[in-house]
């Protein structure tokens, strides 16, 4: 029986994974390029062959996560399931991402404030739109009597906050 072959991560992908782990552990501001190069096992000068700056790494991490969440939202909105099923599917995706890609999701959720403009405004806008789209699914469910009357925007904030805490007890 043939083994399934895993795609070998590129050096840039390895650097981004290590950066996410360090940004989560030490914070973006406290992580230096020298620390990161040491963790990756290359010279600091060689790091710049793969990545331009620490900010570029943060941008890549944040927008990769945001794009995965947006693509998932697009697929769910296009579906024909009842609103409550869509909410369940979204929550399962959030939990799967939080558990399976913890470092990246954590960084995109907590360290995004260090993004430079225009990336900062763009990322804030993406987060706001995502929450509104999620709330719209709940509001549709309320209109169709699939979900009890609640304040959807507040519910989304509470649910997303709860999901972000899953990692603290999961491991």
C-alpha atoms as a PDB file:
ATOM      1  CA  UNK A   1       0.000   0.000   0.000  1.00  0.00           C
ATOM      2  CA  UNK A   2       1.405   3.390  -0.996  1.00  0.00           C
ATOM      3  CA  UNK A   3       1.877   6.050   1.646  1.00  0.00           C
ATOM      4  CA  UNK A   4       0.126   9.354   1.202  1.00  0.00           C
ATOM      5  CA  UNK A   5       2.749  11.926   0.405  1.00  0.00           C
ATOM      6  CA  UNK A   6       2.726  15.177   2.338  1.00  0.00           C
ATOM      7  CA  UNK A   7       3.740  18.266   0.496  1.00  0.00           C
ATOM      8  CA  UNK A   8       7.061  19.442   1.847  1.00  0.00           C
ATOM      9  CA  UNK A   9       6.769  22.920   3.308  1.00  0.00           C
ATOM     10  CA  UNK A  10       8.796  25.613   1.607  1.00  0.00           C
ATOM     11  CA  UNK A  11      11.367  27.520   3.621  1.00  0.00           C
ATOM     12  CA  UNK A  12       9.045  30.532   3.634  1.00  0.00           C
ATOM     13  CA  UNK A  13       6.165  28.421   5.008  1.00  0.00           C
ATOM     14  CA  UNK A  14       8.478  27.049   7.702  1.00  0.00           C
ATOM     15  CA  UNK A  15       9.572  30.578   8.593  1.00  0.00           C
ATOM     16  CA  UNK A  16       5.946  31.719   8.822  1.00  0.00           C
ATOM     17  CA  UNK A  17       5.013  28.790  11.086  1.00  0.00           C
ATOM     18  CA  UNK A  18       7.958  29.516  13.382  1.00  0.00           C
ATOM     19  CA  UNK A  19       7.130  33.233  13.321  1.00  0.00           C
ATOM     20  CA  UNK A  20       3.526  32.517  14.331  1.00  0.00           C
ATOM     21  CA  UNK A  21       4.735  30.383  17.240  1.00  0.00           C
ATOM     22  CA  UNK A  22       7.157  33.088  18.378  1.00  0.00           C
ATOM     23  CA  UNK A  23       4.643  35.922  17.931  1.00  0.00           C
ATOM     24  CA  UNK A  24       2.186  33.937  20.059  1.00  0.00           C
ATOM     25  CA  UNK A  25       4.761  33.113  22.719  1.00  0.00           C
ATOM     26  CA  UNK A  26       6.664  36.401  22.948  1.00  0.00           C
ATOM     27  CA  UNK A  27       4.383  38.822  21.160  1.00  0.00           C
ATOM     28  CA  UNK A  28       5.049  40.495  17.832  1.00  0.00           C
ATOM     29  CA  UNK A  29       6.888  43.488  19.307  1.00  0.00           C
ATOM     30  CA  UNK A  30       9.238  41.351  21.421  1.00  0.00           C
ATOM     31  CA  UNK A  31      10.199  38.940  18.621  1.00  0.00           C
ATOM     32  CA  UNK A  32      13.324  39.917  16.722  1.00  0.00           C
ATOM     33  CA  UNK A  33      14.405  38.765  13.289  1.00  0.00           C
ATOM     34  CA  UNK A  34      17.580  37.431  14.910  1.00  0.00           C
ATOM     35  CA  UNK A  35      15.511  35.309  17.343  1.00  0.00           C
ATOM     36  CA  UNK A  36      13.449  34.004  14.480  1.00  0.00           C
ATOM     37  CA  UNK A  37      16.485  33.155  12.346  1.00  0.00           C
ATOM     38  CA  UNK A  38      17.989  31.261  15.285  1.00  0.00           C
ATOM     39  CA  UNK A  39      14.751  29.305  15.770  1.00  0.00           C
ATOM     40  CA  UNK A  40      14.575  28.451  12.069  1.00  0.00           C
ATOM     41  CA  UNK A  41      18.249  27.479  12.091  1.00  0.00           C
ATOM     42  CA  UNK A  42      19.593  29.952   9.563  1.00  0.00           C
ATOM     43  CA  UNK A  43      21.675  33.109   9.654  1.00  0.00           C
ATOM     44  CA  UNK A  44      19.744  36.328  10.189  1.00  0.00           C
ATOM     45  CA  UNK A  45      20.961  37.679   6.851  1.00  0.00           C
ATOM     46  CA  UNK A  46      19.697  34.533   5.098  1.00  0.00           C
ATOM     47  CA  UNK A  47      16.240  35.094   6.529  1.00  0.00           C
ATOM     48  CA  UNK A  48      15.894  38.114   4.246  1.00  0.00           C
ATOM     49  CA  UNK A  49      16.288  35.846   1.206  1.00  0.00           C
ATOM     50  CA  UNK A  50      12.875  34.409   2.077  1.00  0.00           C
ATOM     51  CA  UNK A  51      11.028  37.274   3.724  1.00  0.00           C
ATOM     52  CA  UNK A  52      11.416  41.069   3.602  1.00  0.00           C
ATOM     53  CA  UNK A  53      10.449  41.994   7.138  1.00  0.00           C
ATOM     54  CA  UNK A  54       8.807  40.988  10.365  1.00  0.00           C
ATOM     55  CA  UNK A  55       5.759  43.000   9.283  1.00  0.00           C
ATOM     56  CA  UNK A  56       5.513  40.999   6.069  1.00  0.00           C
ATOM     57  CA  UNK A  57       5.349  37.837   8.166  1.00  0.00           C
ATOM     58  CA  UNK A  58       2.559  39.253  10.321  1.00  0.00           C
ATOM     59  CA  UNK A  59       0.657  40.325   7.199  1.00  0.00           C
ATOM     60  CA  UNK A  60       1.015  36.860   5.659  1.00  0.00           C
ATOM     61  CA  UNK A  61      -0.154  35.113   8.824  1.00  0.00           C
ATOM     62  CA  UNK A  62      -3.120  37.418   9.444  1.00  0.00           C
ATOM     63  CA  UNK A  63      -4.391  37.493   5.881  1.00  0.00           C
ATOM     64  CA  UNK A  64      -3.914  33.747   5.341  1.00  0.00           C
ATOM     65  CA  UNK A  65      -6.170  33.105   8.340  1.00  0.00           C
ATOM     66  CA  UNK A  66      -8.651  35.797   7.262  1.00  0.00           C
ATOM     67  CA  UNK A  67      -8.809  34.356   3.749  1.00  0.00           C
ATOM     68  CA  UNK A  68      -9.522  30.842   5.071  1.00  0.00           C
ATOM     69  CA  UNK A  69     -12.337  32.170   7.256  1.00  0.00           C
ATOM     70  CA  UNK A  70     -13.764  34.243   4.392  1.00  0.00           C
ATOM     71  CA  UNK A  71     -13.659  31.317   1.955  1.00  0.00           C
ATOM     72  CA  UNK A  72     -15.464  29.158   4.509  1.00  0.00           C
ATOM     73  CA  UNK A  73     -18.083  31.880   5.059  1.00  0.00           C
ATOM     74  CA  UNK A  74     -18.606  32.177   1.288  1.00  0.00           C
ATOM     75  CA  UNK A  75     -19.250  28.428   1.028  1.00  0.00           C
ATOM     76  CA  UNK A  76     -21.637  28.404   3.981  1.00  0.00           C
ATOM     77  CA  UNK A  77     -23.624  31.403   2.769  1.00  0.00           C
ATOM     78  CA  UNK A  78     -24.002  29.741  -0.635  1.00  0.00           C
ATOM     79  CA  UNK A  79     -25.477  26.631   0.991  1.00  0.00           C
ATOM     80  CA  UNK A  80     -29.163  25.871   1.364  1.00  0.00           C
ATOM     81  CA  UNK A  81     -29.089  24.624   4.964  1.00  0.00           C
ATOM     82  CA  UNK A  82     -31.180  26.186   7.696  1.00  0.00           C
ATOM     83  CA  UNK A  83     -29.566  29.106   9.482  1.00  0.00           C
ATOM     84  CA  UNK A  84     -28.987  27.138  12.686  1.00  0.00           C
ATOM     85  CA  UNK A  85     -27.057  24.507  10.678  1.00  0.00           C
ATOM     86  CA  UNK A  86     -24.985  27.273   9.088  1.00  0.00           C
ATOM     87  CA  UNK A  87     -24.165  28.642  12.546  1.00  0.00           C
ATOM     88  CA  UNK A  88     -23.179  25.151  13.711  1.00  0.00           C
ATOM     89  CA  UNK A  89     -20.959  24.666  10.641  1.00  0.00           C
ATOM     90  CA  UNK A  90     -19.289  28.039  11.204  1.00  0.00           C
ATOM     91  CA  UNK A  91     -18.638  27.224  14.859  1.00  0.00           C
ATOM     92  CA  UNK A  92     -17.205  23.815  13.990  1.00  0.00           C
ATOM     93  CA  UNK A  93     -14.888  25.494  11.474  1.00  0.00           C
ATOM     94  CA  UNK A  94     -13.773  28.037  14.077  1.00  0.00           C
ATOM     95  CA  UNK A  95     -13.050  25.308  16.599  1.00  0.00           C
ATOM     96  CA  UNK A  96     -11.195  23.186  14.026  1.00  0.00           C
ATOM     97  CA  UNK A  97      -9.066  26.177  13.034  1.00  0.00           C
ATOM     98  CA  UNK A  98      -8.392  27.145  16.654  1.00  0.00           C
ATOM     99  CA  UNK A  99      -7.285  23.623  17.542  1.00  0.00           C
ATOM    100  CA  UNK A 100      -5.509  22.707  14.300  1.00  0.00           C
ATOM    101  CA  UNK A 101      -3.871  26.037  13.456  1.00  0.00           C
ATOM    102  CA  UNK A 102      -3.675  27.534  16.907  1.00  0.00           C
ATOM    103  CA  UNK A 103      -0.550  29.682  16.539  1.00  0.00           C
ATOM    104  CA  UNK A 104      -1.695  31.346  13.329  1.00  0.00           C
ATOM    105  CA  UNK A 105      -5.267  31.895  14.510  1.00  0.00           C
ATOM    106  CA  UNK A 106      -4.046  33.228  17.864  1.00  0.00           C
ATOM    107  CA  UNK A 107      -1.685  35.671  16.152  1.00  0.00           C
ATOM    108  CA  UNK A 108      -4.334  36.872  13.708  1.00  0.00           C
ATOM    109  CA  UNK A 109      -6.751  37.331  16.603  1.00  0.00           C
ATOM    110  CA  UNK A 110      -4.390  39.101  19.011  1.00  0.00           C
ATOM    111  CA  UNK A 111      -1.358  40.533  17.217  1.00  0.00           C
ATOM    112  CA  UNK A 112      -3.097  42.090  14.191  1.00  0.00           C
ATOM    113  CA  UNK A 113      -2.939  45.473  15.925  1.00  0.00           C
ATOM    114  CA  UNK A 114       0.737  45.630  14.931  1.00  0.00           C
ATOM    115  CA  UNK A 115      -0.046  45.601  11.209  1.00  0.00           C
ATOM    116  CA  UNK A 116       1.103  48.661   9.284  1.00  0.00           C
ATOM    117  CA  UNK A 117      -1.244  50.692   7.113  1.00  0.00           C
ATOM    118  CA  UNK A 118      -2.892  50.034   4.726  1.00  0.00           C
ATOM    119  CA  UNK A 119      -2.939  46.425   5.986  1.00  0.00           C
ATOM    120  CA  UNK A 120      -4.253  47.395   9.415  1.00  0.00           C
ATOM    121  CA  UNK A 121      -7.357  49.132   8.033  1.00  0.00           C
ATOM    122  CA  UNK A 122      -7.920  46.345   5.528  1.00  0.00           C
ATOM    123  CA  UNK A 123      -7.708  43.666   8.216  1.00  0.00           C
ATOM    124  CA  UNK A 124     -10.009  45.579  10.585  1.00  0.00           C
ATOM    125  CA  UNK A 125     -12.510  45.915   7.751  1.00  0.00           C
ATOM    126  CA  UNK A 126     -12.331  42.188   6.976  1.00  0.00           C
ATOM    127  CA  UNK A 127     -12.964  41.349  10.645  1.00  0.00           C
ATOM    128  CA  UNK A 128     -15.928  43.744  10.808  1.00  0.00           C
ATOM    129  CA  UNK A 129     -17.463  42.380   7.596  1.00  0.00           C
ATOM    130  CA  UNK A 130     -17.002  38.799   8.774  1.00  0.00           C
ATOM    131  CA  UNK A 131     -18.835  39.500  12.051  1.00  0.00           C
ATOM    132  CA  UNK A 132     -21.644  41.238  10.141  1.00  0.00           C
ATOM    133  CA  UNK A 133     -21.998  38.286   7.776  1.00  0.00           C
ATOM    134  CA  UNK A 134     -22.097  35.878  10.718  1.00  0.00           C
ATOM    135  CA  UNK A 135     -24.693  38.050  12.464  1.00  0.00           C
ATOM    136  CA  UNK A 136     -26.770  38.170   9.255  1.00  0.00           C
ATOM    137  CA  UNK A 137     -27.012  34.373   9.283  1.00  0.00           C
ATOM    138  CA  UNK A 138     -28.361  34.502  12.839  1.00  0.00           C
ATOM    139  CA  UNK A 139     -30.759  37.316  11.951  1.00  0.00           C
ATOM    140  CA  UNK A 140     -32.046  35.290   9.000  1.00  0.00           C
ATOM    141  CA  UNK A 141     -32.623  32.387  11.368  1.00  0.00           C
ATOM    142  CA  UNK A 142     -34.550  34.654  13.723  1.00  0.00           C
ATOM    143  CA  UNK A 143     -36.742  35.894  10.848  1.00  0.00           C
ATOM    144  CA  UNK A 144     -37.444  32.279   9.821  1.00  0.00           C
ATOM    145  CA  UNK A 145     -38.143  31.248  13.445  1.00  0.00           C
ATOM    146  CA  UNK A 146     -35.197  28.817  13.401  1.00  0.00           C
ATOM    147  CA  UNK A 147     -33.356  30.741  16.104  1.00  0.00           C
ATOM    148  CA  UNK A 148     -34.783  32.387  19.191  1.00  0.00           C
ATOM    149  CA  UNK A 149     -34.806  36.194  19.323  1.00  0.00           C
ATOM    150  CA  UNK A 150     -31.346  37.406  20.392  1.00  0.00           C
ATOM    151  CA  UNK A 151     -29.097  40.363  19.671  1.00  0.00           C
ATOM    152  CA  UNK A 152     -27.052  38.806  16.847  1.00  0.00           C
ATOM    153  CA  UNK A 153     -24.013  41.151  16.916  1.00  0.00           C
ATOM    154  CA  UNK A 154     -23.606  40.651  20.667  1.00  0.00           C
ATOM    155  CA  UNK A 155     -24.083  36.897  20.324  1.00  0.00           C
ATOM    156  CA  UNK A 156     -21.347  36.774  17.679  1.00  0.00           C
ATOM    157  CA  UNK A 157     -18.869  38.607  19.900  1.00  0.00           C
ATOM    158  CA  UNK A 158     -19.618  36.271  22.815  1.00  0.00           C
ATOM    159  CA  UNK A 159     -19.384  33.135  20.676  1.00  0.00           C
ATOM    160  CA  UNK A 160     -16.158  34.172  18.955  1.00  0.00           C
ATOM    161  CA  UNK A 161     -14.610  35.074  22.294  1.00  0.00           C
ATOM    162  CA  UNK A 162     -15.643  31.702  23.725  1.00  0.00           C
ATOM    163  CA  UNK A 163     -14.181  29.837  20.740  1.00  0.00           C
ATOM    164  CA  UNK A 164     -10.885  31.713  21.048  1.00  0.00           C
ATOM    165  CA  UNK A 165     -10.588  30.388  24.623  1.00  0.00           C
ATOM    166  CA  UNK A 166     -10.960  26.749  23.595  1.00  0.00           C
ATOM    167  CA  UNK A 167      -7.244  26.282  23.164  1.00  0.00           C
ATOM    168  CA  UNK A 168      -6.558  27.120  26.802  1.00  0.00           C
ATOM    169  CA  UNK A 169      -8.351  23.988  27.970  1.00  0.00           C
ATOM    170  CA  UNK A 170      -8.004  21.790  24.889  1.00  0.00           C
ATOM    171  CA  UNK A 171      -4.308  20.988  25.127  1.00  0.00           C
END
